[in-house]
């Protein structure tokens, strides 16, 4: 069985992370590093994890999991376009 020519190969599937990276590069989204610096200045603690998602109305958000010095785990919902904290969930 012969391999398909490069032009006939299916395009690699782009992930949400790839799309977010492109949007940051194009200036449509705030870089995660800026969001984390802002959270660190606002809330002492440690960054544990981040997921890129959308709200039910399609707004792109970062879901940032954070551990405070008191060992509380908080999830910040951050507007990925503006860097503004929209919600805070957790202990």
C-alpha atoms as a PDB file:
ATOM      1  CA  UNK A   1       0.000   0.000   0.000  1.00  0.00           C
ATOM      2  CA  UNK A   2       1.499   3.324  -1.088  1.00  0.00           C
ATOM      3  CA  UNK A   3       1.626   6.303   1.239  1.00  0.00           C
ATOM      4  CA  UNK A   4      -0.537   9.272   0.379  1.00  0.00           C
ATOM      5  CA  UNK A   5       1.253  12.329  -0.979  1.00  0.00           C
ATOM      6  CA  UNK A   6       1.837  15.033   1.624  1.00  0.00           C
ATOM      7  CA  UNK A   7      -0.925  17.214   0.162  1.00  0.00           C
ATOM      8  CA  UNK A   8      -3.442  14.401   0.648  1.00  0.00           C
ATOM      9  CA  UNK A   9      -2.476  13.721   4.275  1.00  0.00           C
ATOM     10  CA  UNK A  10      -5.075  14.940   6.781  1.00  0.00           C
ATOM     11  CA  UNK A  11      -4.067  18.047   8.678  1.00  0.00           C
ATOM     12  CA  UNK A  12      -2.941  17.452  12.248  1.00  0.00           C
ATOM     13  CA  UNK A  13      -5.754  17.997  14.733  1.00  0.00           C
ATOM     14  CA  UNK A  14      -5.380  21.279  16.584  1.00  0.00           C
ATOM     15  CA  UNK A  15      -5.971  21.223  20.305  1.00  0.00           C
ATOM     16  CA  UNK A  16      -7.556  23.911  22.456  1.00  0.00           C
ATOM     17  CA  UNK A  17      -4.073  24.595  23.783  1.00  0.00           C
ATOM     18  CA  UNK A  18      -2.816  25.249  20.226  1.00  0.00           C
ATOM     19  CA  UNK A  19      -5.739  27.599  19.599  1.00  0.00           C
ATOM     20  CA  UNK A  20      -5.102  29.432  22.887  1.00  0.00           C
ATOM     21  CA  UNK A  21      -1.402  29.783  22.084  1.00  0.00           C
ATOM     22  CA  UNK A  22      -2.258  31.267  18.674  1.00  0.00           C
ATOM     23  CA  UNK A  23      -4.743  33.676  20.259  1.00  0.00           C
ATOM     24  CA  UNK A  24      -2.129  34.852  22.787  1.00  0.00           C
ATOM     25  CA  UNK A  25       0.417  35.347  19.995  1.00  0.00           C
ATOM     26  CA  UNK A  26      -2.156  37.356  18.000  1.00  0.00           C
ATOM     27  CA  UNK A  27      -2.981  39.521  21.044  1.00  0.00           C
ATOM     28  CA  UNK A  28      -6.554  38.249  21.424  1.00  0.00           C
ATOM     29  CA  UNK A  29      -5.874  36.607  24.819  1.00  0.00           C
ATOM     30  CA  UNK A  30      -3.796  37.581  27.838  1.00  0.00           C
ATOM     31  CA  UNK A  31      -0.704  35.384  28.300  1.00  0.00           C
ATOM     32  CA  UNK A  32      -1.029  32.868  31.124  1.00  0.00           C
ATOM     33  CA  UNK A  33       2.233  34.155  32.632  1.00  0.00           C
ATOM     34  CA  UNK A  34       0.592  37.570  33.096  1.00  0.00           C
ATOM     35  CA  UNK A  35      -2.482  35.993  34.712  1.00  0.00           C
ATOM     36  CA  UNK A  36      -0.312  33.978  37.112  1.00  0.00           C
ATOM     37  CA  UNK A  37       1.739  37.054  38.064  1.00  0.00           C
ATOM     38  CA  UNK A  38      -1.467  38.956  38.814  1.00  0.00           C
ATOM     39  CA  UNK A  39      -2.876  36.101  40.915  1.00  0.00           C
ATOM     40  CA  UNK A  40       0.392  35.769  42.791  1.00  0.00           C
ATOM     41  CA  UNK A  41       0.340  39.473  43.680  1.00  0.00           C
ATOM     42  CA  UNK A  42      -3.283  39.208  44.775  1.00  0.00           C
ATOM     43  CA  UNK A  43      -3.251  35.865  46.572  1.00  0.00           C
ATOM     44  CA  UNK A  44      -0.131  34.354  48.132  1.00  0.00           C
ATOM     45  CA  UNK A  45       0.278  30.719  47.285  1.00  0.00           C
ATOM     46  CA  UNK A  46       1.284  28.221  44.672  1.00  0.00           C
ATOM     47  CA  UNK A  47       0.037  27.606  41.153  1.00  0.00           C
ATOM     48  CA  UNK A  48      -1.008  23.959  40.803  1.00  0.00           C
ATOM     49  CA  UNK A  49      -2.671  23.666  37.400  1.00  0.00           C
ATOM     50  CA  UNK A  50      -4.398  25.593  34.632  1.00  0.00           C
ATOM     51  CA  UNK A  51      -6.983  24.558  32.076  1.00  0.00           C
ATOM     52  CA  UNK A  52      -8.237  26.599  29.163  1.00  0.00           C
ATOM     53  CA  UNK A  53     -12.009  26.496  28.739  1.00  0.00           C
ATOM     54  CA  UNK A  54     -15.072  28.511  27.758  1.00  0.00           C
ATOM     55  CA  UNK A  55     -18.051  29.729  29.737  1.00  0.00           C
ATOM     56  CA  UNK A  56     -21.555  28.718  28.669  1.00  0.00           C
ATOM     57  CA  UNK A  57     -21.782  31.955  26.663  1.00  0.00           C
ATOM     58  CA  UNK A  58     -18.527  31.178  24.821  1.00  0.00           C
ATOM     59  CA  UNK A  59     -16.182  33.468  26.747  1.00  0.00           C
ATOM     60  CA  UNK A  60     -12.635  32.020  26.855  1.00  0.00           C
ATOM     61  CA  UNK A  61     -11.394  31.524  30.413  1.00  0.00           C
ATOM     62  CA  UNK A  62      -8.424  30.168  32.285  1.00  0.00           C
ATOM     63  CA  UNK A  63      -9.341  27.869  35.188  1.00  0.00           C
ATOM     64  CA  UNK A  64      -6.389  28.321  37.522  1.00  0.00           C
ATOM     65  CA  UNK A  65      -5.999  25.936  40.457  1.00  0.00           C
ATOM     66  CA  UNK A  66      -4.131  27.603  43.318  1.00  0.00           C
ATOM     67  CA  UNK A  67      -3.040  26.476  46.807  1.00  0.00           C
ATOM     68  CA  UNK A  68      -2.891  29.127  49.524  1.00  0.00           C
ATOM     69  CA  UNK A  69      -0.341  29.127  52.370  1.00  0.00           C
ATOM     70  CA  UNK A  70      -3.168  27.775  54.578  1.00  0.00           C
ATOM     71  CA  UNK A  71      -3.307  24.760  52.239  1.00  0.00           C
ATOM     72  CA  UNK A  72      -6.695  25.768  50.808  1.00  0.00           C
ATOM     73  CA  UNK A  73      -7.265  24.923  47.146  1.00  0.00           C
ATOM     74  CA  UNK A  74      -8.963  27.647  45.144  1.00  0.00           C
ATOM     75  CA  UNK A  75      -9.960  27.684  41.483  1.00  0.00           C
ATOM     76  CA  UNK A  76      -9.901  31.107  39.877  1.00  0.00           C
ATOM     77  CA  UNK A  77     -12.006  31.619  36.760  1.00  0.00           C
ATOM     78  CA  UNK A  78     -10.120  34.277  34.800  1.00  0.00           C
ATOM     79  CA  UNK A  79     -11.352  36.011  31.651  1.00  0.00           C
ATOM     80  CA  UNK A  80      -8.686  35.058  29.102  1.00  0.00           C
ATOM     81  CA  UNK A  81      -9.310  38.224  27.068  1.00  0.00           C
ATOM     82  CA  UNK A  82      -8.873  40.728  29.906  1.00  0.00           C
ATOM     83  CA  UNK A  83      -7.113  38.864  32.723  1.00  0.00           C
ATOM     84  CA  UNK A  84      -9.907  39.830  35.135  1.00  0.00           C
ATOM     85  CA  UNK A  85     -10.945  37.300  37.796  1.00  0.00           C
ATOM     86  CA  UNK A  86     -14.598  36.438  37.146  1.00  0.00           C
ATOM     87  CA  UNK A  87     -15.115  33.940  39.941  1.00  0.00           C
ATOM     88  CA  UNK A  88     -13.341  32.138  42.739  1.00  0.00           C
ATOM     89  CA  UNK A  89     -14.338  28.650  43.810  1.00  0.00           C
ATOM     90  CA  UNK A  90     -13.161  26.445  46.617  1.00  0.00           C
ATOM     91  CA  UNK A  91     -12.420  26.539  50.307  1.00  0.00           C
END
